[in-house]
Amino acid sequence: MKKIMFMVMMMTIAISAQAMPYNAARDEALFLSDKMAHELNLTDAQYEAVYEINLDYFLNMNTQNDLFGPWWDVRNRDLRMVLGTWQFDRYMSSLYFYRPLAWRAGAWSLVVYDRYNRGLMFHRHPVAFNNFRGGHSHRASSFYTRHHFAPPSAPSRHVPSTRPGNRPTHHMGAPGHSGHSHGRGHGGRR
């Protein structure tokens, strides 16, 4: 009996140790959404929704098996409703957006960090960063079905380089963007 209890306790610890904590999920969703807003030329409304969708996905990651399971499908379905056609096509062709998480050395790893420096932020925090706790994504239906998102009319002028190890330069003062400095870390202003 003690052996069974010990095994149950160890399995519980192993599973809970793998779940992504809220603060980590929030920060990773912010960083990923910021890069998506930059490369996909998201409108403010799209940026807010993409942040919520990414946060919901990260909050539902409990084990390595969840990476590309039902919640990944929900994320893709919701993003299809938020993004315009050219944006969704670019999203799908950018593996660091399409498959944003990896399980490396026993921990979650945000794949977009392979492309962008951790301290690099292009946009202000979405409003949802301070008050959204998750819960818009559902397996059966999408919260975003009831909303209309007008995508930008043309792709952004930003065309990411495919050179290995290329890091984009930080730009300040772009219209509508706050341009956080490198020294603030990916948490930026709160």
N, C-alpha and C. Protein backbone atom coordinates (compact mmCIF):
# COMPACT_ATOMS: atom_id res chain seq x y z
N MET A 1 0.82 -1.19 0.00
CA MET A 1 0.00 0.00 0.00
C MET A 1 0.87 1.26 0.00
N LYS A 2 1.93 1.25 0.79
CA LYS A 2 2.82 2.41 0.84
C LYS A 2 3.48 2.64 -0.52
N LYS A 3 3.81 1.54 -1.18
CA LYS A 3 4.46 1.65 -2.49
C LYS A 3 3.52 2.29 -3.50
N ILE A 4 2.25 1.92 -3.48
CA ILE A 4 1.28 2.50 -4.39
C ILE A 4 1.09 3.98 -4.09
N MET A 5 0.97 4.34 -2.83
CA MET A 5 0.82 5.75 -2.45
C MET A 5 2.04 6.56 -2.88
N PHE A 6 3.22 6.00 -2.71
CA PHE A 6 4.44 6.68 -3.11
C PHE A 6 4.46 6.92 -4.62
N MET A 7 4.07 5.91 -5.40
CA MET A 7 4.04 6.05 -6.85
C MET A 7 3.02 7.10 -7.29
N VAL A 8 1.85 7.12 -6.67
CA VAL A 8 0.82 8.12 -6.99
C VAL A 8 1.34 9.52 -6.66
N MET A 9 1.99 9.66 -5.53
CA MET A 9 2.54 10.95 -5.13
C MET A 9 3.62 11.41 -6.12
N MET A 10 4.49 10.52 -6.55
CA MET A 10 5.55 10.87 -7.49
C MET A 10 4.98 11.26 -8.85
N MET A 11 3.96 10.55 -9.30
CA MET A 11 3.34 10.88 -10.57
C MET A 11 2.67 12.26 -10.49
N THR A 12 2.01 12.56 -9.37
CA THR A 12 1.38 13.86 -9.19
C THR A 12 2.41 14.97 -9.21
N ILE A 13 3.53 14.77 -8.55
CA ILE A 13 4.61 15.76 -8.53
C ILE A 13 5.17 15.95 -9.93
N ALA A 14 5.39 14.87 -10.65
CA ALA A 14 5.95 14.95 -12.01
C ALA A 14 5.02 15.70 -12.94
N ILE A 15 3.72 15.44 -12.86
CA ILE A 15 2.75 16.10 -13.72
C ILE A 15 2.65 17.58 -13.36
N SER A 16 2.54 17.90 -12.07
CA SER A 16 2.39 19.30 -11.69
C SER A 16 3.66 20.09 -11.95
N ALA A 17 4.82 19.46 -11.92
CA ALA A 17 6.07 20.16 -12.18
C ALA A 17 6.18 20.55 -13.65
N GLN A 18 5.44 19.88 -14.52
CA GLN A 18 5.53 20.16 -15.94
C GLN A 18 4.54 21.24 -16.39
N ALA A 19 3.47 21.47 -15.63
CA ALA A 19 2.48 22.45 -16.03
C ALA A 19 3.11 23.84 -16.09
N MET A 20 2.69 24.64 -17.06
CA MET A 20 3.24 25.98 -17.19
C MET A 20 2.52 26.91 -16.20
N PRO A 21 3.25 27.53 -15.28
CA PRO A 21 2.63 28.44 -14.32
C PRO A 21 2.04 29.68 -15.02
N TYR A 22 1.05 30.32 -14.38
CA TYR A 22 0.36 31.46 -14.98
C TYR A 22 1.32 32.57 -15.39
N ASN A 23 2.20 33.00 -14.51
CA ASN A 23 3.10 34.11 -14.83
C ASN A 23 4.02 33.78 -16.00
N ALA A 24 4.50 32.55 -16.06
CA ALA A 24 5.34 32.14 -17.18
C ALA A 24 4.52 32.12 -18.47
N ALA A 25 3.30 31.58 -18.40
CA ALA A 25 2.42 31.53 -19.57
C ALA A 25 2.11 32.95 -20.06
N ARG A 26 1.84 33.85 -19.15
CA ARG A 26 1.52 35.24 -19.50
C ARG A 26 2.70 35.92 -20.19
N ASP A 27 3.90 35.75 -19.65
CA ASP A 27 5.09 36.37 -20.24
C ASP A 27 5.43 35.77 -21.60
N GLU A 28 5.30 34.46 -21.72
CA GLU A 28 5.59 33.81 -22.99
C GLU A 28 4.55 34.19 -24.04
N ALA A 29 3.27 34.27 -23.64
CA ALA A 29 2.21 34.68 -24.57
C ALA A 29 2.45 36.11 -25.04
N LEU A 30 2.92 36.97 -24.14
CA LEU A 30 3.22 38.35 -24.50
C LEU A 30 4.35 38.40 -25.53
N PHE A 31 5.43 37.69 -25.26
CA PHE A 31 6.57 37.73 -26.17
C PHE A 31 6.20 37.18 -27.55
N LEU A 32 5.52 36.03 -27.58
CA LEU A 32 5.11 35.43 -28.85
C LEU A 32 4.14 36.34 -29.60
N SER A 33 3.16 36.88 -28.91
CA SER A 33 2.16 37.74 -29.55
C SER A 33 2.79 39.01 -30.10
N ASP A 34 3.76 39.56 -29.39
CA ASP A 34 4.47 40.74 -29.86
C ASP A 34 5.17 40.46 -31.19
N LYS A 35 5.81 39.30 -31.30
CA LYS A 35 6.51 38.96 -32.54
C LYS A 35 5.52 38.67 -33.67
N MET A 36 4.39 38.07 -33.32
CA MET A 36 3.35 37.83 -34.32
C MET A 36 2.79 39.16 -34.81
N ALA A 37 2.56 40.10 -33.89
CA ALA A 37 2.06 41.42 -34.28
C ALA A 37 3.04 42.11 -35.21
N HIS A 38 4.32 41.95 -34.93
CA HIS A 38 5.36 42.57 -35.75
C HIS A 38 5.42 41.97 -37.16
N GLU A 39 5.49 40.67 -37.24
CA GLU A 39 5.66 40.01 -38.55
C GLU A 39 4.36 39.91 -39.34
N LEU A 40 3.23 39.81 -38.66
CA LEU A 40 1.95 39.63 -39.35
C LEU A 40 1.18 40.93 -39.49
N ASN A 41 1.77 42.03 -39.04
CA ASN A 41 1.17 43.36 -39.16
C ASN A 41 -0.23 43.38 -38.55
N LEU A 42 -0.36 42.88 -37.31
CA LEU A 42 -1.66 42.79 -36.66
C LEU A 42 -2.22 44.16 -36.33
N THR A 43 -3.53 44.29 -36.43
CA THR A 43 -4.22 45.48 -35.94
C THR A 43 -4.26 45.38 -34.42
N ASP A 44 -4.66 46.46 -33.75
CA ASP A 44 -4.75 46.44 -32.29
C ASP A 44 -5.73 45.36 -31.81
N ALA A 45 -6.87 45.25 -32.47
CA ALA A 45 -7.87 44.25 -32.08
C ALA A 45 -7.33 42.83 -32.28
N GLN A 46 -6.62 42.61 -33.39
CA GLN A 46 -6.02 41.30 -33.63
C GLN A 46 -4.96 40.99 -32.58
N TYR A 47 -4.15 41.96 -32.25
CA TYR A 47 -3.09 41.78 -31.24
C TYR A 47 -3.68 41.35 -29.91
N GLU A 48 -4.75 42.00 -29.49
CA GLU A 48 -5.42 41.63 -28.23
C GLU A 48 -5.91 40.18 -28.29
N ALA A 49 -6.58 39.82 -29.39
CA ALA A 49 -7.12 38.47 -29.53
C ALA A 49 -6.01 37.43 -29.61
N VAL A 50 -4.95 37.72 -30.35
CA VAL A 50 -3.84 36.77 -30.49
C VAL A 50 -3.18 36.53 -29.13
N TYR A 51 -3.03 37.59 -28.34
CA TYR A 51 -2.48 37.42 -26.99
C TYR A 51 -3.37 36.48 -26.17
N GLU A 52 -4.68 36.71 -26.19
CA GLU A 52 -5.61 35.86 -25.44
C GLU A 52 -5.54 34.41 -25.91
N ILE A 53 -5.49 34.20 -27.21
CA ILE A 53 -5.43 32.85 -27.76
C ILE A 53 -4.14 32.16 -27.35
N ASN A 54 -3.02 32.86 -27.45
CA ASN A 54 -1.74 32.27 -27.05
C ASN A 54 -1.72 31.97 -25.56
N LEU A 55 -2.25 32.88 -24.74
CA LEU A 55 -2.28 32.63 -23.29
C LEU A 55 -3.14 31.42 -22.97
N ASP A 56 -4.32 31.32 -23.59
CA ASP A 56 -5.17 30.14 -23.36
C ASP A 56 -4.43 28.85 -23.72
N TYR A 57 -3.73 28.86 -24.84
CA TYR A 57 -2.97 27.68 -25.26
C TYR A 57 -1.92 27.33 -24.22
N PHE A 58 -1.12 28.31 -23.80
CA PHE A 58 -0.05 28.04 -22.84
C PHE A 58 -0.61 27.57 -21.50
N LEU A 59 -1.73 28.13 -21.07
CA LEU A 59 -2.32 27.73 -19.80
C LEU A 59 -2.86 26.29 -19.83
N ASN A 60 -3.12 25.77 -21.01
CA ASN A 60 -3.60 24.40 -21.13
C ASN A 60 -2.49 23.39 -21.36
N MET A 61 -1.26 23.83 -21.31
CA MET A 61 -0.11 22.92 -21.44
C MET A 61 0.22 22.34 -20.07
N ASN A 62 -0.06 21.06 -19.92
CA ASN A 62 0.22 20.39 -18.65
C ASN A 62 1.34 19.37 -18.77
N THR A 63 1.43 18.74 -19.91
CA THR A 63 2.48 17.75 -20.12
C THR A 63 3.03 17.90 -21.54
N GLN A 64 4.10 17.25 -21.80
CA GLN A 64 4.72 17.27 -23.12
C GLN A 64 3.74 16.80 -24.19
N ASN A 65 2.85 15.90 -23.83
CA ASN A 65 1.87 15.36 -24.78
C ASN A 65 0.85 16.40 -25.24
N ASP A 66 0.74 17.53 -24.52
CA ASP A 66 -0.23 18.56 -24.87
C ASP A 66 0.26 19.49 -25.99
N LEU A 67 1.54 19.44 -26.31
CA LEU A 67 2.12 20.38 -27.28
C LEU A 67 1.30 20.51 -28.56
N PHE A 68 0.97 19.40 -29.17
CA PHE A 68 0.26 19.42 -30.44
C PHE A 68 -1.02 18.60 -30.37
N GLY A 69 -1.68 18.69 -29.23
CA GLY A 69 -2.92 17.97 -29.01
C GLY A 69 -4.13 18.84 -29.28
N PRO A 70 -5.23 18.56 -28.59
CA PRO A 70 -6.48 19.28 -28.84
C PRO A 70 -6.39 20.80 -28.65
N TRP A 71 -5.60 21.27 -27.66
CA TRP A 71 -5.52 22.71 -27.43
C TRP A 71 -4.72 23.41 -28.53
N TRP A 72 -3.81 22.71 -29.16
CA TRP A 72 -3.10 23.27 -30.31
C TRP A 72 -4.07 23.43 -31.48
N ASP A 73 -4.94 22.45 -31.66
CA ASP A 73 -5.98 22.54 -32.70
C ASP A 73 -6.92 23.71 -32.42
N VAL A 74 -7.30 23.90 -31.16
CA VAL A 74 -8.17 25.01 -30.77
C VAL A 74 -7.48 26.34 -31.07
N ARG A 75 -6.20 26.44 -30.75
CA ARG A 75 -5.42 27.66 -31.02
C ARG A 75 -5.44 27.97 -32.52
N ASN A 76 -5.18 26.96 -33.34
CA ASN A 76 -5.18 27.17 -34.79
C ASN A 76 -6.56 27.57 -35.31
N ARG A 77 -7.59 26.96 -34.80
CA ARG A 77 -8.97 27.31 -35.20
C ARG A 77 -9.27 28.76 -34.85
N ASP A 78 -8.93 29.16 -33.62
CA ASP A 78 -9.19 30.52 -33.18
C ASP A 78 -8.37 31.54 -33.98
N LEU A 79 -7.12 31.22 -34.23
CA LEU A 79 -6.28 32.14 -35.02
C LEU A 79 -6.80 32.29 -36.45
N ARG A 80 -7.36 31.22 -36.99
CA ARG A 80 -7.94 31.30 -38.34
C ARG A 80 -9.09 32.30 -38.37
N MET A 81 -9.82 32.42 -37.26
CA MET A 81 -10.95 33.36 -37.20
C MET A 81 -10.49 34.80 -37.00
N VAL A 82 -9.31 34.98 -36.45
CA VAL A 82 -8.81 36.32 -36.12
C VAL A 82 -7.94 36.90 -37.24
N LEU A 83 -7.15 36.06 -37.88
CA LEU A 83 -6.20 36.53 -38.89
C LEU A 83 -6.83 36.56 -40.28
N GLY A 84 -6.36 37.49 -41.10
CA GLY A 84 -6.75 37.52 -42.50
C GLY A 84 -6.07 36.38 -43.24
N THR A 85 -6.46 36.16 -44.48
CA THR A 85 -5.92 35.02 -45.25
C THR A 85 -4.41 35.08 -45.38
N TRP A 86 -3.87 36.23 -45.82
CA TRP A 86 -2.42 36.31 -46.00
C TRP A 86 -1.69 36.20 -44.67
N GLN A 87 -2.32 36.71 -43.59
CA GLN A 87 -1.71 36.61 -42.26
C GLN A 87 -1.66 35.15 -41.80
N PHE A 88 -2.77 34.44 -42.00
CA PHE A 88 -2.81 33.05 -41.57
C PHE A 88 -1.83 32.20 -42.39
N ASP A 89 -1.73 32.48 -43.67
CA ASP A 89 -0.76 31.75 -44.51
C ASP A 89 0.67 31.99 -44.02
N ARG A 90 0.99 33.23 -43.68
CA ARG A 90 2.33 33.53 -43.17
C ARG A 90 2.55 32.89 -41.80
N TYR A 91 1.51 32.90 -40.97
CA TYR A 91 1.56 32.24 -39.66
C TYR A 91 1.88 30.75 -39.83
N MET A 92 1.17 30.10 -40.74
CA MET A 92 1.36 28.66 -40.95
C MET A 92 2.76 28.34 -41.49
N SER A 93 3.33 29.24 -42.26
CA SER A 93 4.64 28.97 -42.85
C SER A 93 5.80 29.35 -41.92
N SER A 94 5.50 29.97 -40.79
CA SER A 94 6.52 30.33 -39.80
C SER A 94 6.43 29.34 -38.64
N LEU A 95 7.25 28.32 -38.67
CA LEU A 95 7.15 27.26 -37.65
C LEU A 95 7.31 27.78 -36.23
N TYR A 96 8.06 28.85 -36.03
CA TYR A 96 8.22 29.39 -34.68
C TYR A 96 6.93 30.03 -34.18
N PHE A 97 5.97 30.33 -35.07
CA PHE A 97 4.64 30.76 -34.66
C PHE A 97 3.68 29.57 -34.63
N TYR A 98 3.72 28.77 -35.67
CA TYR A 98 2.79 27.65 -35.83
C TYR A 98 2.98 26.58 -34.75
N ARG A 99 4.22 26.29 -34.42
CA ARG A 99 4.54 25.33 -33.36
C ARG A 99 5.39 26.06 -32.33
N PRO A 100 4.74 26.89 -31.49
CA PRO A 100 5.48 27.83 -30.66
C PRO A 100 6.24 27.22 -29.48
N LEU A 101 5.83 26.06 -29.04
CA LEU A 101 6.48 25.45 -27.88
C LEU A 101 7.22 24.18 -28.25
N ALA A 102 8.29 23.94 -27.51
CA ALA A 102 9.03 22.69 -27.62
C ALA A 102 9.32 22.21 -26.20
N TRP A 103 9.56 20.95 -26.07
CA TRP A 103 9.93 20.36 -24.79
C TRP A 103 11.41 20.02 -24.89
N ARG A 104 12.25 20.80 -24.22
CA ARG A 104 13.70 20.63 -24.30
C ARG A 104 14.28 20.46 -22.90
N ALA A 105 15.06 19.43 -22.73
CA ALA A 105 15.74 19.17 -21.46
C ALA A 105 14.78 19.20 -20.27
N GLY A 106 13.60 18.64 -20.46
CA GLY A 106 12.64 18.52 -19.36
C GLY A 106 11.90 19.80 -19.01
N ALA A 107 11.87 20.79 -19.91
CA ALA A 107 11.18 22.05 -19.63
C ALA A 107 10.57 22.62 -20.90
N TRP A 108 9.59 23.52 -20.73
CA TRP A 108 8.99 24.22 -21.85
C TRP A 108 10.00 25.18 -22.44
N SER A 109 9.99 25.31 -23.74
CA SER A 109 10.86 26.25 -24.43
C SER A 109 10.06 26.93 -25.53
N LEU A 110 10.10 28.26 -25.54
CA LEU A 110 9.42 29.02 -26.57
C LEU A 110 10.33 29.10 -27.79
N VAL A 111 9.90 28.53 -28.89
CA VAL A 111 10.72 28.38 -30.09
C VAL A 111 11.11 29.73 -30.69
N VAL A 112 10.27 30.74 -30.54
CA VAL A 112 10.56 32.04 -31.13
C VAL A 112 11.81 32.68 -30.51
N TYR A 113 12.25 32.20 -29.34
CA TYR A 113 13.51 32.70 -28.76
C TYR A 113 14.72 32.29 -29.60
N ASP A 114 14.56 31.28 -30.44
CA ASP A 114 15.65 30.90 -31.35
C ASP A 114 15.83 31.97 -32.43
N ARG A 115 14.82 32.79 -32.63
CA ARG A 115 14.83 33.80 -33.69
C ARG A 115 15.02 35.22 -33.14
N TYR A 116 14.41 35.52 -32.00
CA TYR A 116 14.43 36.86 -31.43
C TYR A 116 15.08 36.87 -30.05
N ASN A 117 15.83 37.91 -29.76
CA ASN A 117 16.42 38.09 -28.44
C ASN A 117 15.33 38.27 -27.40
N ARG A 118 15.54 37.73 -26.23
CA ARG A 118 14.53 37.78 -25.17
C ARG A 118 14.08 39.19 -24.81
N GLY A 119 14.94 40.17 -24.84
CA GLY A 119 14.58 41.52 -24.42
C GLY A 119 13.94 42.36 -25.50
N LEU A 120 13.80 41.85 -26.69
CA LEU A 120 13.31 42.63 -27.82
C LEU A 120 11.79 42.67 -27.85
N MET A 121 11.24 43.87 -27.72
CA MET A 121 9.79 44.05 -27.81
C MET A 121 9.50 45.15 -28.83
N PHE A 122 8.50 44.93 -29.66
CA PHE A 122 8.13 45.88 -30.70
C PHE A 122 6.89 46.69 -30.36
N HIS A 123 6.01 46.16 -29.51
CA HIS A 123 4.71 46.77 -29.25
C HIS A 123 4.50 46.96 -27.76
N ARG A 124 3.54 47.81 -27.46
CA ARG A 124 3.11 47.97 -26.07
C ARG A 124 2.41 46.67 -25.62
N HIS A 125 2.21 46.53 -24.34
CA HIS A 125 1.48 45.37 -23.84
C HIS A 125 0.02 45.47 -24.27
N PRO A 126 -0.61 44.36 -24.63
CA PRO A 126 -2.04 44.42 -24.91
C PRO A 126 -2.79 44.71 -23.61
N VAL A 127 -3.96 45.30 -23.73
CA VAL A 127 -4.78 45.61 -22.55
C VAL A 127 -5.04 44.33 -21.75
N ALA A 128 -5.27 43.25 -22.46
CA ALA A 128 -5.58 41.96 -21.82
C ALA A 128 -4.44 41.46 -20.93
N PHE A 129 -3.23 41.95 -21.12
CA PHE A 129 -2.09 41.48 -20.33
C PHE A 129 -2.34 41.69 -18.84
N ASN A 130 -3.00 42.77 -18.47
CA ASN A 130 -3.21 43.08 -17.06
C ASN A 130 -4.47 42.48 -16.46
N ASN A 131 -5.42 42.06 -17.31
CA ASN A 131 -6.68 41.60 -16.72
C ASN A 131 -7.22 40.27 -17.26
N PHE A 132 -6.66 39.73 -18.31
CA PHE A 132 -7.18 38.47 -18.87
C PHE A 132 -6.50 37.30 -18.17
N ARG A 133 -7.29 36.40 -17.62
CA ARG A 133 -6.77 35.24 -16.90
C ARG A 133 -6.98 33.94 -17.66
N GLY A 134 -7.40 34.03 -18.91
CA GLY A 134 -7.63 32.84 -19.71
C GLY A 134 -9.08 32.44 -19.71
N GLY A 135 -9.42 31.52 -20.59
CA GLY A 135 -10.75 30.96 -20.59
C GLY A 135 -11.61 31.27 -21.81
N HIS A 136 -11.09 31.98 -22.80
CA HIS A 136 -11.88 32.23 -24.00
C HIS A 136 -11.91 31.03 -24.94
N SER A 137 -10.86 30.25 -24.93
CA SER A 137 -10.80 29.11 -25.85
C SER A 137 -11.56 27.92 -25.29
N HIS A 138 -12.36 27.33 -26.14
CA HIS A 138 -13.15 26.15 -25.77
C HIS A 138 -13.00 25.14 -26.89
N ARG A 139 -13.02 23.89 -26.53
CA ARG A 139 -12.85 22.84 -27.55
C ARG A 139 -14.03 22.78 -28.51
N ALA A 140 -15.24 23.03 -28.02
CA ALA A 140 -16.42 22.85 -28.86
C ALA A 140 -16.67 24.01 -29.81
N SER A 141 -16.52 25.23 -29.34
CA SER A 141 -16.80 26.39 -30.19
C SER A 141 -15.81 27.50 -29.86
N SER A 142 -15.71 28.46 -30.75
CA SER A 142 -14.75 29.53 -30.57
C SER A 142 -15.41 30.81 -30.06
N PHE A 143 -14.83 31.40 -29.06
CA PHE A 143 -15.23 32.71 -28.55
C PHE A 143 -15.14 33.75 -29.67
N TYR A 144 -14.21 33.58 -30.58
CA TYR A 144 -13.91 34.58 -31.61
C TYR A 144 -14.85 34.52 -32.80
N THR A 145 -15.78 33.56 -32.82
CA THR A 145 -16.79 33.47 -33.87
C THR A 145 -17.68 34.70 -33.84
N ARG A 146 -17.94 35.23 -32.67
CA ARG A 146 -18.86 36.36 -32.50
C ARG A 146 -18.20 37.70 -32.79
N HIS A 147 -16.95 37.72 -33.14
CA HIS A 147 -16.23 38.97 -33.35
C HIS A 147 -15.79 39.10 -34.81
N HIS A 148 -15.68 40.33 -35.24
CA HIS A 148 -15.18 40.59 -36.59
C HIS A 148 -13.83 41.29 -36.46
N PHE A 149 -12.84 40.77 -37.14
CA PHE A 149 -11.50 41.35 -37.13
C PHE A 149 -11.15 41.78 -38.54
N ALA A 150 -11.01 43.08 -38.71
CA ALA A 150 -10.62 43.60 -40.02
C ALA A 150 -9.10 43.57 -40.10
N PRO A 151 -8.56 42.67 -40.93
CA PRO A 151 -7.10 42.59 -41.06
C PRO A 151 -6.57 43.76 -41.86
N PRO A 152 -5.28 44.05 -41.72
CA PRO A 152 -4.70 45.09 -42.57
C PRO A 152 -4.87 44.70 -44.03
N SER A 153 -4.95 45.68 -44.89
CA SER A 153 -5.24 45.40 -46.30
C SER A 153 -4.06 44.79 -47.05
N ALA A 154 -2.85 44.99 -46.56
CA ALA A 154 -1.68 44.47 -47.27
C ALA A 154 -0.68 43.90 -46.27
N PRO A 155 0.11 42.97 -46.73
CA PRO A 155 1.15 42.45 -45.84
C PRO A 155 2.10 43.56 -45.41
N SER A 156 2.67 43.39 -44.23
CA SER A 156 3.62 44.39 -43.75
C SER A 156 4.87 44.37 -44.62
N ARG A 157 5.59 45.46 -44.57
CA ARG A 157 6.83 45.54 -45.34
C ARG A 157 7.91 44.68 -44.73
N HIS A 158 7.73 44.26 -43.48
CA HIS A 158 8.74 43.44 -42.81
C HIS A 158 8.75 42.05 -43.44
N VAL A 159 9.86 41.67 -43.98
CA VAL A 159 10.03 40.32 -44.52
C VAL A 159 11.18 39.69 -43.75
N PRO A 160 10.87 38.73 -42.87
CA PRO A 160 11.93 38.14 -42.05
C PRO A 160 13.00 37.47 -42.90
N SER A 161 14.21 37.64 -42.49
CA SER A 161 15.32 36.97 -43.16
C SER A 161 15.35 35.51 -42.76
N THR A 162 15.77 34.67 -43.65
CA THR A 162 15.85 33.24 -43.35
C THR A 162 17.28 32.82 -43.02
N ARG A 163 18.19 33.80 -42.95
CA ARG A 163 19.57 33.45 -42.63
C ARG A 163 19.65 32.91 -41.21
N PRO A 164 20.37 31.80 -40.99
CA PRO A 164 20.50 31.28 -39.63
C PRO A 164 21.18 32.30 -38.73
N GLY A 165 20.68 32.41 -37.52
CA GLY A 165 21.29 33.29 -36.53
C GLY A 165 20.98 34.76 -36.74
N ASN A 166 20.16 35.10 -37.73
CA ASN A 166 19.83 36.49 -37.96
C ASN A 166 18.95 37.00 -36.84
N ARG A 167 19.30 38.13 -36.30
CA ARG A 167 18.50 38.77 -35.26
C ARG A 167 18.04 40.11 -35.80
N PRO A 168 16.74 40.39 -35.75
CA PRO A 168 16.25 41.65 -36.26
C PRO A 168 16.77 42.80 -35.41
N THR A 169 16.89 43.95 -36.02
CA THR A 169 17.31 45.11 -35.25
C THR A 169 16.11 45.68 -34.54
N HIS A 170 16.38 46.33 -33.43
CA HIS A 170 15.32 46.93 -32.63
C HIS A 170 14.97 48.28 -33.24
N HIS A 171 13.70 48.53 -33.46
CA HIS A 171 13.33 49.83 -34.00
C HIS A 171 12.54 50.61 -32.97
N MET A 172 12.78 51.89 -32.94
CA MET A 172 12.08 52.78 -32.01
C MET A 172 11.19 53.73 -32.82
N GLY A 173 10.11 54.12 -32.24
CA GLY A 173 9.30 55.18 -32.80
C GLY A 173 8.47 54.82 -34.02
N ALA A 174 8.25 53.55 -34.28
CA ALA A 174 7.37 53.20 -35.41
C ALA A 174 5.95 53.65 -35.07
N PRO A 175 5.19 54.12 -36.03
CA PRO A 175 3.84 54.59 -35.75
C PRO A 175 3.01 53.53 -35.04
N GLY A 176 2.39 53.92 -33.94
CA GLY A 176 1.52 53.02 -33.20
C GLY A 176 2.25 52.03 -32.31
N HIS A 177 3.56 52.11 -32.24
CA HIS A 177 4.32 51.17 -31.43
C HIS A 177 5.12 51.93 -30.38
N SER A 178 5.28 51.33 -29.23
CA SER A 178 6.01 52.02 -28.18
C SER A 178 7.50 51.74 -28.23
N GLY A 179 7.92 50.66 -28.87
CA GLY A 179 9.34 50.38 -29.02
C GLY A 179 10.09 50.27 -27.72
N HIS A 180 9.87 49.23 -26.95
CA HIS A 180 10.58 49.05 -25.69
C HIS A 180 12.06 48.86 -25.92
N SER A 181 12.84 49.27 -24.96
CA SER A 181 14.29 49.14 -25.09
C SER A 181 14.74 47.75 -24.71
N HIS A 182 15.95 47.40 -25.15
CA HIS A 182 16.49 46.07 -24.87
C HIS A 182 16.63 45.82 -23.38
N GLY A 183 16.97 46.83 -22.61
CA GLY A 183 17.29 46.64 -21.20
C GLY A 183 16.11 46.30 -20.32
N ARG A 184 14.92 46.38 -20.82
CA ARG A 184 13.77 46.14 -19.97
C ARG A 184 13.41 44.68 -19.81
N GLY A 185 13.94 43.81 -20.59
CA GLY A 185 13.56 42.39 -20.54
C GLY A 185 12.23 42.20 -21.23
N HIS A 186 11.81 40.96 -21.38
CA HIS A 186 10.57 40.77 -22.14
C HIS A 186 9.34 41.07 -21.33
N GLY A 187 9.48 41.40 -20.08
CA GLY A 187 8.33 41.85 -19.29
C GLY A 187 7.96 43.28 -19.61
N GLY A 188 8.95 44.10 -19.96
CA GLY A 188 8.68 45.48 -20.36
C GLY A 188 7.90 46.24 -19.34
N ARG A 189 7.08 47.17 -19.78
CA ARG A 189 6.21 47.98 -18.91
C ARG A 189 5.06 47.14 -18.42
N ARG A 190 4.68 47.33 -17.19
CA ARG A 190 3.51 46.62 -16.69
C ARG A 190 2.51 47.54 -16.11
